[in-house]
Amino acid sequence: MNYKEKLQHITTFIFDVDGVLTDGKIFLHPSGEQLRTMNVKDGMAISTALSKGYKIAIISGGKSKGLIERFKHLKIDDVYLGCDDKKDALEDFKHIYNIDTKNILFMGDDINDWEVMKEVGLGSCPQDAVAEIKSIADYISHKNGGSGCVRDVIEQTLKVQGKW
């Protein structure tokens, strides 16, 4: 089954943060806070998907007050930060909402996303993901992390389902 056919079954999006919602760069503030930038077009797509009834979760090894505030602003309720084992977070999320694996699209970019990518209905990654993740991705966005790859997969899914 090609990725466009798999998009028809997606009801849930799960995203990594660093390298997916961001470009992977961290700016170190003198206070010790780690600052990241995110693409507003990704945020718009997330808001659109939520308004159409899709579930969205964040599963990331990163953690900062700025991330928490951004996800609150976007109204993402299911945020798993500081995850050493992302697969545990995935299982918890699936159990809470009783979501079938085939209905989940996950986008990750690095080795720590491998296990989750293997467990979902559609594994995707940004264009600048590491080779190991690209090798198992059902879909590789033409956009880099932090440069609209999240918008790309959400927009494609909603368009395939006639909801964009």
Protein backbone atom coordinates (compact mmCIF):
# COMPACT_ATOMS: atom_id res chain seq x y z
CA MET A 1 0.00 0.00 0.00
CA ASN A 2 1.47 3.38 -0.95
CA TYR A 3 1.55 6.28 1.48
CA LYS A 4 -1.39 8.11 -0.17
CA GLU A 5 -3.61 5.09 0.53
CA LYS A 6 -2.38 5.01 4.13
CA LEU A 7 -3.27 8.70 4.54
CA GLN A 8 -6.94 7.76 4.12
CA HIS A 9 -6.84 5.97 7.51
CA ILE A 10 -5.09 8.67 9.53
CA THR A 11 -7.02 10.16 12.46
CA THR A 12 -4.04 10.98 14.65
CA PHE A 13 -0.77 12.84 14.19
CA ILE A 14 2.20 12.45 16.53
CA PHE A 15 5.24 14.65 16.13
CA ASP A 16 8.76 14.77 17.50
CA VAL A 17 9.99 18.29 18.27
CA ASP A 18 13.69 18.84 17.60
CA GLY A 19 14.38 18.29 13.91
CA VAL A 20 10.67 18.07 13.01
CA LEU A 21 8.81 21.05 14.48
CA THR A 22 12.16 22.83 14.75
CA ASP A 23 15.24 22.89 12.54
CA GLY A 24 17.17 21.12 15.28
CA LYS A 25 19.12 24.18 16.38
CA ILE A 26 19.08 25.21 20.02
CA PHE A 27 19.96 28.73 21.07
CA LEU A 28 21.46 28.85 24.55
CA HIS A 29 20.20 31.81 26.56
CA PRO A 30 22.47 33.11 29.36
CA SER A 31 19.73 32.05 31.83
CA GLY A 32 20.25 28.43 30.78
CA GLU A 33 16.98 28.28 28.85
CA GLN A 34 17.23 26.45 25.54
CA LEU A 35 15.41 28.41 22.85
CA ARG A 36 14.04 26.97 19.62
CA THR A 37 12.20 28.42 16.64
CA MET A 38 9.10 26.89 15.07
CA ASN A 39 7.33 27.50 11.78
CA VAL A 40 3.96 29.30 12.05
CA LYS A 41 2.71 27.42 8.96
CA ASP A 42 3.16 24.16 10.89
CA GLY A 43 1.18 25.73 13.74
CA MET A 44 -1.62 26.75 11.38
CA ALA A 45 -1.88 23.22 10.02
CA ILE A 46 -1.94 21.78 13.55
CA SER A 47 -4.76 24.17 14.52
CA THR A 48 -6.69 23.26 11.38
CA ALA A 49 -6.34 19.52 12.04
CA LEU A 50 -7.46 19.93 15.66
CA SER A 51 -10.50 21.95 14.54
CA LYS A 52 -11.44 19.10 12.18
CA GLY A 53 -11.37 16.56 15.03
CA TYR A 54 -7.95 14.96 14.52
CA LYS A 55 -5.92 14.01 17.57
CA ILE A 56 -2.42 15.45 17.86
CA ALA A 57 0.29 14.47 20.29
CA ILE A 58 3.89 15.47 20.84
CA ILE A 59 6.48 12.89 21.88
CA SER A 60 9.95 14.33 22.39
CA GLY A 61 13.15 13.81 24.29
CA GLY A 62 13.46 17.58 24.61
CA LYS A 63 11.93 19.63 27.37
CA SER A 64 11.66 23.33 28.07
CA LYS A 65 9.19 25.86 29.38
CA GLY A 66 9.00 27.45 25.91
CA LEU A 67 7.86 24.16 24.35
CA ILE A 68 5.16 23.72 26.98
CA GLU A 69 3.86 27.23 26.34
CA ARG A 70 3.86 26.79 22.56
CA PHE A 71 1.88 23.56 22.78
CA LYS A 72 -0.61 25.12 25.22
CA HIS A 73 -1.08 27.99 22.73
CA LEU A 74 -1.74 25.45 19.95
CA LYS A 75 -4.20 23.60 22.25
CA ILE A 76 -2.29 20.31 22.07
CA ASP A 77 -3.29 18.45 25.22
CA ASP A 78 -1.18 15.31 24.81
CA VAL A 79 2.43 16.36 25.24
CA TYR A 80 5.11 13.90 26.30
CA LEU A 81 8.39 15.75 26.88
CA GLY A 82 11.67 14.45 28.27
CA CYS A 83 10.94 10.96 26.95
CA ASP A 84 13.79 8.50 27.16
CA ASP A 85 11.60 5.78 25.65
CA LYS A 86 9.21 7.24 23.08
CA LYS A 87 7.59 3.87 22.50
CA ASP A 88 6.28 3.88 26.09
CA ALA A 89 4.71 7.29 25.48
CA LEU A 90 3.14 5.99 22.25
CA GLU A 91 1.65 2.99 24.06
CA ASP A 92 0.28 5.23 26.82
CA PHE A 93 -1.32 7.58 24.30
CA LYS A 94 -2.83 4.72 22.27
CA HIS A 95 -4.25 3.16 25.44
CA ILE A 96 -5.82 6.40 26.71
CA TYR A 97 -7.68 7.02 23.45
CA ASN A 98 -8.03 3.43 22.23
CA ILE A 99 -6.44 4.34 18.90
CA ASP A 100 -5.58 1.67 16.35
CA THR A 101 -1.98 1.82 15.18
CA LYS A 102 -3.03 2.03 11.50
CA ASN A 103 -4.71 5.38 12.25
CA ILE A 104 -1.50 7.06 13.48
CA LEU A 105 0.94 9.11 11.44
CA PHE A 106 4.23 9.75 13.25
CA MET A 107 6.91 12.14 12.05
CA GLY A 108 10.41 11.81 13.46
CA ASP A 109 13.90 12.58 12.26
CA ASP A 110 16.53 10.72 14.28
CA ILE A 111 17.55 7.36 15.74
CA ASN A 112 15.46 7.80 18.91
CA ASP A 113 12.34 7.83 16.70
CA TRP A 114 13.08 4.41 15.14
CA GLU A 115 10.92 2.29 17.48
CA VAL A 116 7.88 4.57 17.21
CA MET A 117 8.18 4.76 13.41
CA LYS A 118 8.06 0.96 13.22
CA GLU A 119 4.85 0.85 15.33
CA VAL A 120 2.55 3.26 13.49
CA GLY A 121 0.37 3.12 10.40
CA LEU A 122 2.42 5.72 8.55
CA GLY A 123 5.96 6.69 9.45
CA SER A 124 7.18 9.96 7.98
CA CYS A 125 10.17 12.24 8.27
CA PRO A 126 11.52 15.59 7.10
CA GLN A 127 13.81 15.75 4.08
CA ASP A 128 16.83 16.30 6.35
CA ALA A 129 16.21 13.29 8.63
CA VAL A 130 19.05 10.85 9.26
CA ALA A 131 19.52 8.05 6.72
CA GLU A 132 18.34 5.31 9.09
CA ILE A 133 14.97 7.01 9.58
CA LYS A 134 14.60 7.77 5.87
CA SER A 135 15.17 4.08 5.16
CA ILE A 136 12.05 3.05 7.12
CA ALA A 137 9.81 6.06 6.38
CA ASP A 138 6.65 5.52 4.34
CA TYR A 139 6.88 9.17 3.34
CA ILE A 140 9.79 11.62 3.24
CA SER A 141 8.63 15.23 3.09
CA HIS A 142 10.19 17.55 0.55
CA LYS A 143 10.50 20.06 3.44
CA ASN A 144 13.18 20.11 6.14
CA GLY A 145 12.50 20.04 9.86
CA GLY A 146 11.25 23.41 11.09
CA SER A 147 10.54 24.47 7.51
CA GLY A 148 7.01 23.22 6.94
CA CYS A 149 7.32 19.41 6.97
CA VAL A 150 4.52 19.18 9.56
CA ARG A 151 2.28 21.37 7.41
CA ASP A 152 3.15 19.13 4.45
CA VAL A 153 1.93 15.88 6.05
CA ILE A 154 -1.14 17.41 7.68
CA GLU A 155 -2.20 19.19 4.50
CA GLN A 156 -1.71 16.06 2.39
CA THR A 157 -3.75 13.97 4.84
CA LEU A 158 -6.61 16.43 5.05
CA LYS A 159 -6.67 16.88 1.27
CA VAL A 160 -6.78 13.11 0.65
CA GLN A 161 -9.68 12.90 3.11
CA GLY A 162 -11.49 15.91 1.63
CA LYS A 163 -11.15 17.99 4.81
CA TRP A 164 -8.68 20.68 3.80
